Amino acid sequence: MSSVNRVIILGRLGKDPELKTVGQNQVANFSVATSETWKDKSSGEKKEKTTWHNIVIWGALANVAGQYLHKGDQV
């Protein structure tokens, strides 16, 4: 039995997408930063954690990403 895992990542681009051609397909690679903040129960101090996600897009969507996405954009 197979299952599907779906994730929605909402964050900011760390750098402009890198476009490459593999065979006849376009590939775009970029990283997205997501952050979470919380208040530490023991010290009462506000803390923040940033996680980086490496994203790979193939085909026509890679061309669109290369044209319209830039460092710092929210995606």
PDB file of N, CA and C in Angstrom:
ATOM      1  N   MET A   1       0.841  -1.176   0.000  1.00  0.00           N
ATOM      2  CA  MET A   1       0.000   0.000   0.000  1.00  0.00           C
ATOM      3  C   MET A   1       0.887   1.241   0.000  1.00  0.00           C
ATOM      4  N   SER A   2       0.642   2.165  -0.883  1.00  0.00           N
ATOM      5  CA  SER A   2       1.425   3.396  -0.952  1.00  0.00           C
ATOM      6  C   SER A   2       0.654   4.543  -0.323  1.00  0.00           C
ATOM      7  N   SER A   3       1.399   5.560   0.052  1.00  0.00           N
ATOM      8  CA  SER A   3       0.777   6.733   0.646  1.00  0.00           C
ATOM      9  C   SER A   3       1.397   7.981   0.039  1.00  0.00           C
ATOM     10  N   VAL A   4       0.714   9.094   0.212  1.00  0.00           N
ATOM     11  CA  VAL A   4       1.190  10.364  -0.316  1.00  0.00           C
ATOM     12  C   VAL A   4       1.451  11.295   0.861  1.00  0.00           C
ATOM     13  N   ASN A   5       2.633  11.878   0.875  1.00  0.00           N
ATOM     14  CA  ASN A   5       2.956  12.891   1.868  1.00  0.00           C
ATOM     15  C   ASN A   5       2.974  14.235   1.168  1.00  0.00           C
ATOM     16  N   ARG A   6       2.242  15.187   1.686  1.00  0.00           N
ATOM     17  CA  ARG A   6       2.170  16.509   1.083  1.00  0.00           C
ATOM     18  C   ARG A   6       2.665  17.524   2.098  1.00  0.00           C
ATOM     19  N   VAL A   7       3.543  18.416   1.634  1.00  0.00           N
ATOM     20  CA  VAL A   7       4.105  19.440   2.501  1.00  0.00           C
ATOM     21  C   VAL A   7       3.932  20.786   1.831  1.00  0.00           C
ATOM     22  N   ILE A   8       3.549  21.778   2.597  1.00  0.00           N
ATOM     23  CA  ILE A   8       3.485  23.154   2.094  1.00  0.00           C
ATOM     24  C   ILE A   8       4.569  23.935   2.816  1.00  0.00           C
ATOM     25  N   ILE A   9       5.503  24.471   2.043  1.00  0.00           N
ATOM     26  CA  ILE A   9       6.603  25.248   2.606  1.00  0.00           C
ATOM     27  C   ILE A   9       6.398  26.696   2.213  1.00  0.00           C
ATOM     28  N   LEU A  10       6.275  27.564   3.196  1.00  0.00           N
ATOM     29  CA  LEU A  10       6.101  28.992   2.963  1.00  0.00           C
ATOM     30  C   LEU A  10       7.256  29.706   3.647  1.00  0.00           C
ATOM     31  N   GLY A  11       8.082  30.365   2.838  1.00  0.00           N
ATOM     32  CA  GLY A  11       9.243  31.038   3.389  1.00  0.00           C
ATOM     33  C   GLY A  11       9.846  32.005   2.387  1.00  0.00           C
ATOM     34  N   ARG A  12      11.099  32.362   2.614  1.00  0.00           N
ATOM     35  CA  ARG A  12      11.803  33.313   1.745  1.00  0.00           C
ATOM     36  C   ARG A  12      12.966  32.642   1.043  1.00  0.00           C
ATOM     37  N   LEU A  13      13.212  33.068  -0.211  1.00  0.00           N
ATOM     38  CA  LEU A  13      14.317  32.517  -0.994  1.00  0.00           C
ATOM     39  C   LEU A  13      15.647  32.999  -0.441  1.00  0.00           C
ATOM     40  N   GLY A  14      16.596  32.073  -0.313  1.00  0.00           N
ATOM     41  CA  GLY A  14      17.919  32.403   0.184  1.00  0.00           C
ATOM     42  C   GLY A  14      18.836  32.929  -0.904  1.00  0.00           C
ATOM     43  N   LYS A  15      18.572  32.549  -2.163  1.00  0.00           N
ATOM     44  CA  LYS A  15      19.367  33.015  -3.294  1.00  0.00           C
ATOM     45  C   LYS A  15      18.536  32.856  -4.559  1.00  0.00           C
ATOM     46  N   ASP A  16      18.976  33.493  -5.635  1.00  0.00           N
ATOM     47  CA  ASP A  16      18.285  33.348  -6.914  1.00  0.00           C
ATOM     48  C   ASP A  16      18.339  31.897  -7.368  1.00  0.00           C
ATOM     49  N   PRO A  17      17.300  31.409  -8.061  1.00  0.00           N
ATOM     50  CA  PRO A  17      17.318  30.031  -8.553  1.00  0.00           C
ATOM     51  C   PRO A  17      18.462  29.803  -9.542  1.00  0.00           C
ATOM     52  N   GLU A  18      19.096  28.635  -9.455  1.00  0.00           N
ATOM     53  CA  GLU A  18      20.118  28.226 -10.417  1.00  0.00           C
ATOM     54  C   GLU A  18      19.422  27.400 -11.489  1.00  0.00           C
ATOM     55  N   LEU A  19      19.524  27.835 -12.747  1.00  0.00           N
ATOM     56  CA  LEU A  19      18.905  27.114 -13.857  1.00  0.00           C
ATOM     57  C   LEU A  19      19.950  26.279 -14.573  1.00  0.00           C
ATOM     58  N   LYS A  20      19.607  25.021 -14.857  1.00  0.00           N
ATOM     59  CA  LYS A  20      20.471  24.111 -15.610  1.00  0.00           C
ATOM     60  C   LYS A  20      19.625  23.383 -16.628  1.00  0.00           C
ATOM     61  N   THR A  21      20.266  22.876 -17.662  1.00  0.00           N
ATOM     62  CA  THR A  21      19.587  22.052 -18.648  1.00  0.00           C
ATOM     63  C   THR A  21      20.128  20.636 -18.538  1.00  0.00           C
ATOM     64  N   VAL A  22      19.227  19.685 -18.357  1.00  0.00           N
ATOM     65  CA  VAL A  22      19.590  18.268 -18.290  1.00  0.00           C
ATOM     66  C   VAL A  22      18.877  17.588 -19.446  1.00  0.00           C
ATOM     67  N   GLY A  23      19.643  17.177 -20.448  1.00  0.00           N
ATOM     68  CA  GLY A  23      19.017  16.661 -21.662  1.00  0.00           C
ATOM     69  C   GLY A  23      18.276  17.794 -22.333  1.00  0.00           C
ATOM     70  N   GLN A  24      16.961  17.640 -22.443  1.00  0.00           N
ATOM     71  CA  GLN A  24      16.143  18.724 -22.991  1.00  0.00           C
ATOM     72  C   GLN A  24      15.253  19.356 -21.918  1.00  0.00           C
ATOM     73  N   ASN A  25      15.467  18.997 -20.677  1.00  0.00           N
ATOM     74  CA  ASN A  25      14.655  19.518 -19.574  1.00  0.00           C
ATOM     75  C   ASN A  25      15.398  20.600 -18.809  1.00  0.00           C
ATOM     76  N   GLN A  26      14.668  21.616 -18.381  1.00  0.00           N
ATOM     77  CA  GLN A  26      15.214  22.660 -17.518  1.00  0.00           C
ATOM     78  C   GLN A  26      15.041  22.227 -16.063  1.00  0.00           C
ATOM     79  N   VAL A  27      16.026  22.558 -15.230  1.00  0.00           N
ATOM     80  CA  VAL A  27      15.969  22.258 -13.807  1.00  0.00           C
ATOM     81  C   VAL A  27      16.325  23.525 -13.041  1.00  0.00           C
ATOM     82  N   ALA A  28      15.542  23.858 -12.020  1.00  0.00           N
ATOM     83  CA  ALA A  28      15.825  25.011 -11.161  1.00  0.00           C
ATOM     84  C   ALA A  28      16.069  24.511  -9.742  1.00  0.00           C
ATOM     85  N   ASN A  29      17.159  24.964  -9.127  1.00  0.00           N
ATOM     86  CA  ASN A  29      17.494  24.643  -7.741  1.00  0.00           C
ATOM     87  C   ASN A  29      17.520  25.929  -6.938  1.00  0.00           C
ATOM     88  N   PHE A  30      16.895  25.912  -5.759  1.00  0.00           N
ATOM     89  CA  PHE A  30      16.971  27.064  -4.862  1.00  0.00           C
ATOM     90  C   PHE A  30      16.673  26.615  -3.442  1.00  0.00           C
ATOM     91  N   SER A  31      16.958  27.480  -2.486  1.00  0.00           N
ATOM     92  CA  SER A  31      16.705  27.158  -1.082  1.00  0.00           C
ATOM     93  C   SER A  31      15.692  28.138  -0.505  1.00  0.00           C
ATOM     94  N   VAL A  32      14.852  27.614   0.394  1.00  0.00           N
ATOM     95  CA  VAL A  32      13.813  28.411   1.048  1.00  0.00           C
ATOM     96  C   VAL A  32      14.021  28.309   2.555  1.00  0.00           C
ATOM     97  N   ALA A  33      13.997  29.454   3.233  1.00  0.00           N
ATOM     98  CA  ALA A  33      14.150  29.497   4.688  1.00  0.00           C
ATOM     99  C   ALA A  33      12.786  29.638   5.346  1.00  0.00           C
ATOM    100  N   THR A  34      12.517  28.772   6.324  1.00  0.00           N
ATOM    101  CA  THR A  34      11.315  28.892   7.140  1.00  0.00           C
ATOM    102  C   THR A  34      11.758  29.111   8.582  1.00  0.00           C
ATOM    103  N   SER A  35      11.032  29.943   9.311  1.00  0.00           N
ATOM    104  CA  SER A  35      11.399  30.268  10.691  1.00  0.00           C
ATOM    105  C   SER A  35      10.229  30.031  11.631  1.00  0.00           C
ATOM    106  N   GLU A  36      10.560  29.658  12.861  1.00  0.00           N
ATOM    107  CA  GLU A  36       9.547  29.547  13.904  1.00  0.00           C
ATOM    108  C   GLU A  36      10.067  30.257  15.150  1.00  0.00           C
ATOM    109  N   THR A  37       9.171  30.910  15.864  1.00  0.00           N
ATOM    110  CA  THR A  37       9.543  31.606  17.092  1.00  0.00           C
ATOM    111  C   THR A  37       8.694  31.080  18.236  1.00  0.00           C
ATOM    112  N   TRP A  38       9.281  31.075  19.429  1.00  0.00           N
ATOM    113  CA  TRP A  38       8.576  30.639  20.624  1.00  0.00           C
ATOM    114  C   TRP A  38       9.202  31.280  21.841  1.00  0.00           C
ATOM    115  N   LYS A  39       8.482  31.209  22.949  1.00  0.00           N
ATOM    116  CA  LYS A  39       8.966  31.753  24.216  1.00  0.00           C
ATOM    117  C   LYS A  39       9.389  30.580  25.093  1.00  0.00           C
ATOM    118  N   ASP A  40      10.649  30.601  25.533  1.00  0.00           N
ATOM    119  CA  ASP A  40      11.191  29.540  26.382  1.00  0.00           C
ATOM    120  C   ASP A  40      10.478  29.561  27.729  1.00  0.00           C
ATOM    121  N   LYS A  41       9.944  28.397  28.142  1.00  0.00           N
ATOM    122  CA  LYS A  41       9.169  28.331  29.381  1.00  0.00           C
ATOM    123  C   LYS A  41      10.030  28.570  30.622  1.00  0.00           C
ATOM    124  N   SER A  42      11.260  28.056  30.606  1.00  0.00           N
ATOM    125  CA  SER A  42      12.086  28.178  31.812  1.00  0.00           C
ATOM    126  C   SER A  42      12.671  29.576  31.995  1.00  0.00           C
ATOM    127  N   SER A  43      13.148  30.194  30.905  1.00  0.00           N
ATOM    128  CA  SER A  43      13.795  31.504  31.045  1.00  0.00           C
ATOM    129  C   SER A  43      12.898  32.665  30.634  1.00  0.00           C
ATOM    130  N   GLY A  44      11.822  32.389  29.903  1.00  0.00           N
ATOM    131  CA  GLY A  44      10.946  33.455  29.427  1.00  0.00           C
ATOM    132  C   GLY A  44      11.519  34.197  28.232  1.00  0.00           C
ATOM    133  N   GLU A  45      12.645  33.712  27.727  1.00  0.00           N
ATOM    134  CA  GLU A  45      13.337  34.346  26.606  1.00  0.00           C
ATOM    135  C   GLU A  45      12.692  33.939  25.279  1.00  0.00           C
ATOM    136  N   LYS A  46      12.605  34.891  24.345  1.00  0.00           N
ATOM    137  CA  LYS A  46      12.063  34.619  23.020  1.00  0.00           C
ATOM    138  C   LYS A  46      13.150  33.960  22.172  1.00  0.00           C
ATOM    139  N   LYS A  47      12.822  32.836  21.522  1.00  0.00           N
ATOM    140  CA  LYS A  47      13.787  32.107  20.706  1.00  0.00           C
ATOM    141  C   LYS A  47      13.271  31.976  19.285  1.00  0.00           C
ATOM    142  N   GLU A  48      14.208  31.811  18.336  1.00  0.00           N
ATOM    143  CA  GLU A  48      13.852  31.646  16.929  1.00  0.00           C
ATOM    144  C   GLU A  48      14.725  30.569  16.313  1.00  0.00           C
ATOM    145  N   LYS A  49      14.115  29.747  15.451  1.00  0.00           N
ATOM    146  CA  LYS A  49      14.848  28.698  14.753  1.00  0.00           C
ATOM    147  C   LYS A  49      14.532  28.806  13.268  1.00  0.00           C
ATOM    148  N   THR A  50      15.572  28.798  12.427  1.00  0.00           N
ATOM    149  CA  THR A  50      15.410  28.867  10.981  1.00  0.00           C
ATOM    150  C   THR A  50      15.835  27.535  10.382  1.00  0.00           C
ATOM    151  N   THR A  51      15.002  26.998   9.488  1.00  0.00           N
ATOM    152  CA  THR A  51      15.289  25.750   8.794  1.00  0.00           C
ATOM    153  C   THR A  51      15.360  26.031   7.301  1.00  0.00           C
ATOM    154  N   TRP A  52      16.383  25.474   6.640  1.00  0.00           N
ATOM    155  CA  TRP A  52      16.555  25.654   5.198  1.00  0.00           C
ATOM    156  C   TRP A  52      16.077  24.415   4.462  1.00  0.00           C
ATOM    157  N   HIS A  53      15.341  24.628   3.362  1.00  0.00           N
ATOM    158  CA  HIS A  53      14.801  23.546   2.533  1.00  0.00           C
ATOM    159  C   HIS A  53      15.361  23.707   1.118  1.00  0.00           C
ATOM    160  N   ASN A  54      15.952  22.649   0.585  1.00  0.00           N
ATOM    161  CA  ASN A  54      16.446  22.661  -0.791  1.00  0.00           C
ATOM    162  C   ASN A  54      15.329  22.212  -1.720  1.00  0.00           C
ATOM    163  N   ILE A  55      15.009  23.034  -2.720  1.00  0.00           N
ATOM    164  CA  ILE A  55      13.903  22.790  -3.634  1.00  0.00           C
ATOM    165  C   ILE A  55      14.449  22.561  -5.033  1.00  0.00           C
ATOM    166  N   VAL A  56      13.900  21.563  -5.737  1.00  0.00           N
ATOM    167  CA  VAL A  56      14.265  21.264  -7.125  1.00  0.00           C
ATOM    168  C   VAL A  56      12.986  21.248  -7.942  1.00  0.00           C
ATOM    169  N   ILE A  57      12.961  22.028  -9.034  1.00  0.00           N
ATOM    170  CA  ILE A  57      11.784  22.105  -9.914  1.00  0.00           C
ATOM    171  C   ILE A  57      12.225  21.732 -11.324  1.00  0.00           C
ATOM    172  N   TRP A  58      11.429  20.920 -12.007  1.00  0.00           N
ATOM    173  CA  TRP A  58      11.735  20.456 -13.363  1.00  0.00           C
ATOM    174  C   TRP A  58      10.749  21.042 -14.375  1.00  0.00           C
ATOM    175  N   GLY A  59      11.165  21.073 -15.639  1.00  0.00           N
ATOM    176  CA  GLY A  59      10.273  21.392 -16.755  1.00  0.00           C
ATOM    177  C   GLY A  59       9.952  22.865 -16.895  1.00  0.00           C
ATOM    178  N   ALA A  60       8.744  23.123 -17.397  1.00  0.00           N
ATOM    179  CA  ALA A  60       8.321  24.491 -17.684  1.00  0.00           C
ATOM    180  C   ALA A  60       8.252  25.338 -16.413  1.00  0.00           C
ATOM    181  N   LEU A  61       7.920  24.725 -15.283  1.00  0.00           N
ATOM    182  CA  LEU A  61       7.853  25.462 -14.032  1.00  0.00           C
ATOM    183  C   LEU A  61       9.230  25.979 -13.622  1.00  0.00           C
ATOM    184  N   ALA A  62      10.292  25.273 -14.024  1.00  0.00           N
ATOM    185  CA  ALA A  62      11.656  25.732 -13.746  1.00  0.00           C
ATOM    186  C   ALA A  62      11.934  27.035 -14.494  1.00  0.00           C
ATOM    187  N   ASN A  63      11.462  27.145 -15.729  1.00  0.00           N
ATOM    188  CA  ASN A  63      11.627  28.392 -16.494  1.00  0.00           C
ATOM    189  C   ASN A  63      10.910  29.547 -15.806  1.00  0.00           C
ATOM    190  N   VAL A  64       9.709  29.313 -15.330  1.00  0.00           N
ATOM    191  CA  VAL A  64       8.934  30.347 -14.645  1.00  0.00           C
ATOM    192  C   VAL A  64       9.654  30.782 -13.369  1.00  0.00           C
ATOM    193  N   ALA A  65      10.170  29.808 -12.614  1.00  0.00           N
ATOM    194  CA  ALA A  65      10.899  30.124 -11.387  1.00  0.00           C
ATOM    195  C   ALA A  65      12.125  30.977 -11.694  1.00  0.00           C
ATOM    196  N   GLY A  66      12.843  30.642 -12.752  1.00  0.00           N
ATOM    197  CA  GLY A  66      14.029  31.403 -13.133  1.00  0.00           C
ATOM    198  C   GLY A  66      13.721  32.833 -13.530  1.00  0.00           C
ATOM    199  N   GLN A  67      12.556  33.052 -14.123  1.00  0.00           N
ATOM    200  CA  GLN A  67      12.178  34.392 -14.566  1.00  0.00           C
ATOM    201  C   GLN A  67      11.677  35.274 -13.424  1.00  0.00           C
ATOM    202  N   TYR A  68      10.886  34.711 -12.530  1.00  0.00           N
ATOM    203  CA  TYR A  68      10.141  35.536 -11.580  1.00  0.00           C
ATOM    204  C   TYR A  68      10.617  35.476 -10.128  1.00  0.00           C
ATOM    205  N   LEU A  69      11.411  34.480  -9.752  1.00  0.00           N
ATOM    206  CA  LEU A  69      11.840  34.363  -8.360  1.00  0.00           C
ATOM    207  C   LEU A  69      13.205  34.991  -8.165  1.00  0.00           C
ATOM    208  N   HIS A  70      13.351  35.743  -7.079  1.00  0.00           N
ATOM    209  CA  HIS A  70      14.616  36.409  -6.759  1.00  0.00           C
ATOM    210  C   HIS A  70      14.874  36.295  -5.264  1.00  0.00           C
ATOM    211  N   LYS A  71      16.135  36.449  -4.874  1.00  0.00           N
ATOM    212  CA  LYS A  71      16.541  36.348  -3.479  1.00  0.00           C
ATOM    213  C   LYS A  71      15.652  37.250  -2.610  1.00  0.00           C
ATOM    214  N   GLY A  72      15.165  36.697  -1.506  1.00  0.00           N
ATOM    215  CA  GLY A  72      14.345  37.455  -0.565  1.00  0.00           C
ATOM    216  C   GLY A  72      12.858  37.392  -0.832  1.00  0.00           C
ATOM    217  N   ASP A  73      12.442  36.914  -2.018  1.00  0.00           N
ATOM    218  CA  ASP A  73      11.022  36.808  -2.320  1.00  0.00           C
ATOM    219  C   ASP A  73      10.358  35.765  -1.428  1.00  0.00           C
ATOM    220  N   GLN A  74       9.103  36.027  -1.051  1.00  0.00           N
ATOM    221  CA  GLN A  74       8.348  35.041  -0.294  1.00  0.00           C
ATOM    222  C   GLN A  74       7.695  34.082  -1.265  1.00  0.00           C
ATOM    223  N   VAL A  75       7.899  32.788  -1.031  1.00  0.00           N
ATOM    224  CA  VAL A  75       7.322  31.753  -1.905  1.00  0.00           C
ATOM    225  C   VAL A  75       6.622  30.710  -1.057  1.00  0.00           C
TER     226      VAL A  75
END
